[in-house]
C-alpha atoms as a PDB file:
ATOM      1  CA  MET A   1       0.000   0.000   0.000  1.00  0.00           C
ATOM      2  CA  LEU A   2       1.355   3.435  -1.003  1.00  0.00           C
ATOM      3  CA  CYS A   3       0.290   6.616   0.799  1.00  0.00           C
ATOM      4  CA  ALA A   4      -0.766   9.647  -1.222  1.00  0.00           C
ATOM      5  CA  GLY A   5       2.063  11.679   0.329  1.00  0.00           C
ATOM      6  CA  CYS A   6       4.626   9.194  -0.977  1.00  0.00           C
ATOM      7  CA  THR A   7       4.043   9.790  -4.673  1.00  0.00           C
ATOM      8  CA  SER A   8       6.810  11.300  -6.703  1.00  0.00           C
ATOM      9  CA  ALA A   9       6.604  15.057  -7.143  1.00  0.00           C
ATOM     10  CA  PRO A  10       7.497  16.965 -10.277  1.00  0.00           C
ATOM     11  CA  PRO A  11      11.009  18.408 -10.283  1.00  0.00           C
ATOM     12  CA  VAL A  12      11.401  21.824  -8.705  1.00  0.00           C
ATOM     13  CA  PRO A  13      12.013  24.535 -11.312  1.00  0.00           C
ATOM     14  CA  THR A  14      15.361  26.265 -11.245  1.00  0.00           C
ATOM     15  CA  PRO A  15      15.104  29.501  -9.261  1.00  0.00           C
ATOM     16  CA  VAL A  16      15.366  32.739 -11.179  1.00  0.00           C
ATOM     17  CA  ILE A  17      18.044  35.095  -9.924  1.00  0.00           C
ATOM     18  CA  VAL A  18      16.881  38.693  -9.789  1.00  0.00           C
ATOM     19  CA  TYR A  19      19.452  41.424  -9.333  1.00  0.00           C
ATOM     20  CA  ASN A  20      18.359  44.564  -7.537  1.00  0.00           C
ATOM     21  CA  ALA A  21      20.799  46.865  -9.212  1.00  0.00           C
ATOM     22  CA  CYS A  22      20.604  50.288 -10.704  1.00  0.00           C
ATOM     23  CA  PRO A  23      21.781  51.110 -14.207  1.00  0.00           C
ATOM     24  CA  ARG A  24      25.461  51.708 -14.669  1.00  0.00           C
ATOM     25  CA  VAL A  25      26.592  55.293 -14.869  1.00  0.00           C
ATOM     26  CA  SER A  26      28.713  56.461 -17.750  1.00  0.00           C
ATOM     27  CA  LEU A  27      30.916  59.519 -17.905  1.00  0.00           C
ATOM     28  CA  CYS A  28      29.264  62.773 -18.860  1.00  0.00           C
ATOM     29  CA  PRO A  29      31.535  64.241 -21.524  1.00  0.00           C
ATOM     30  CA  MET A  30      31.379  67.978 -21.951  1.00  0.00           C
ATOM     31  CA  PRO A  31      31.749  69.303 -25.488  1.00  0.00           C
ATOM     32  CA  GLY A  32      34.860  71.237 -26.360  1.00  0.00           C
ATOM     33  CA  SER A  33      34.622  74.933 -27.028  1.00  0.00           C
ATOM     34  CA  ASP A  34      36.555  77.365 -29.185  1.00  0.00           C
ATOM     35  CA  PRO A  35      34.080  80.061 -30.210  1.00  0.00           C
ATOM     36  CA  SER A  36      35.224  82.838 -32.504  1.00  0.00           C
ATOM     37  CA  THR A  37      31.922  84.692 -32.910  1.00  0.00           C
ATOM     38  CA  ASN A  38      28.880  85.408 -30.782  1.00  0.00           C
ATOM     39  CA  GLY A  39      26.993  82.856 -32.869  1.00  0.00           C
ATOM     40  CA  ASP A  40      29.618  80.231 -32.060  1.00  0.00           C
ATOM     41  CA  LEU A  41      29.349  81.110 -28.375  1.00  0.00           C
ATOM     42  CA  SER A  42      25.561  80.713 -28.484  1.00  0.00           C
ATOM     43  CA  ALA A  43      25.897  77.330 -30.191  1.00  0.00           C
ATOM     44  CA  ASP A  44      28.459  76.228 -27.587  1.00  0.00           C
ATOM     45  CA  ILE A  45      26.126  77.230 -24.773  1.00  0.00           C
ATOM     46  CA  ARG A  46      23.292  75.185 -26.311  1.00  0.00           C
ATOM     47  CA  GLN A  47      25.597  72.166 -26.695  1.00  0.00           C
ATOM     48  CA  LEU A  48      26.775  72.490 -23.088  1.00  0.00           C
ATOM     49  CA  GLU A  49      23.219  72.818 -21.784  1.00  0.00           C
ATOM     50  CA  SER A  50      22.213  69.722 -23.740  1.00  0.00           C
ATOM     51  CA  ALA A  51      25.170  67.743 -22.352  1.00  0.00           C
ATOM     52  CA  LEU A  52      24.309  68.841 -18.806  1.00  0.00           C
ATOM     53  CA  GLU A  53      20.663  67.818 -19.301  1.00  0.00           C
ATOM     54  CA  ARG A  54      21.719  64.343 -20.479  1.00  0.00           C
ATOM     55  CA  CYS A  55      24.020  63.993 -17.477  1.00  0.00           C
ATOM     56  CA  ALA A  56      21.317  65.189 -15.071  1.00  0.00           C
ATOM     57  CA  LEU A  57      18.848  62.690 -16.546  1.00  0.00           C
ATOM     58  CA  GLN A  58      21.333  59.882 -15.954  1.00  0.00           C
ATOM     59  CA  VAL A  59      21.882  60.996 -12.348  1.00  0.00           C
ATOM     60  CA  ARG A  60      18.116  61.303 -11.769  1.00  0.00           C
ATOM     61  CA  THR A  61      17.519  57.807 -13.168  1.00  0.00           C
ATOM     62  CA  VAL A  62      20.119  56.236 -10.866  1.00  0.00           C
ATOM     63  CA  LYS A  63      18.886  58.255  -7.857  1.00  0.00           C
ATOM     64  CA  ASN A  64      15.286  57.126  -8.437  1.00  0.00           C
ATOM     65  CA  CYS A  65      16.473  53.521  -8.730  1.00  0.00           C
ATOM     66  CA  GLN A  66      18.458  53.767  -5.489  1.00  0.00           C
ATOM     67  CA  ASP A  67      15.500  55.328  -3.668  1.00  0.00           C
ATOM     68  CA  LYS A  68      13.234  52.514  -4.877  1.00  0.00           C
ATOM     69  CA  ILE A  69      15.684  49.846  -3.673  1.00  0.00           C
ATOM     70  CA  ASP A  70      15.985  51.620  -0.298  1.00  0.00           C
ATOM     71  CA  VAL A  71      12.192  51.582   0.138  1.00  0.00           C
ATOM     72  CA  GLN A  72      12.045  47.885  -0.768  1.00  0.00           C
ATOM     73  CA  ALA A  73      14.829  47.118   1.720  1.00  0.00           C
ATOM     74  CA  GLU A  74      13.018  49.029   4.477  1.00  0.00           C
ATOM     75  CA  GLU A  75       9.769  47.167   3.747  1.00  0.00           C
ATOM     76  CA  SER A  76      11.601  43.835   3.811  1.00  0.00           C
ATOM     77  CA  ALA A  77      13.255  44.716   7.116  1.00  0.00           C
ATOM     78  CA  LYS A  78       9.897  45.709   8.629  1.00  0.00           C
ATOM     79  CA  SER A  79       8.302  42.448   7.516  1.00  0.00           C
ATOM     80  CA  LEU A  80      11.052  40.465   9.262  1.00  0.00           C
ATOM     81  CA  ASN A  81      10.369  42.176  12.605  1.00  0.00           C
END
């Protein structure tokens, strides 16, 4: 006689590894500048502002990711207590 609890079970699926990591940060290159006219200076300012915006977006993305991970860690710690 074989008990119902003694039957063979299906194999356990391989666990999925999930990394809680934020995106990697790359350097924020600033464009070179050698203006010779007021028009060149205006163009350089626009290029610099654009480069700074791209860099700020990257920083904001990583900061938001870190804040989200911090909240998750706090919630996990609270659930353990």
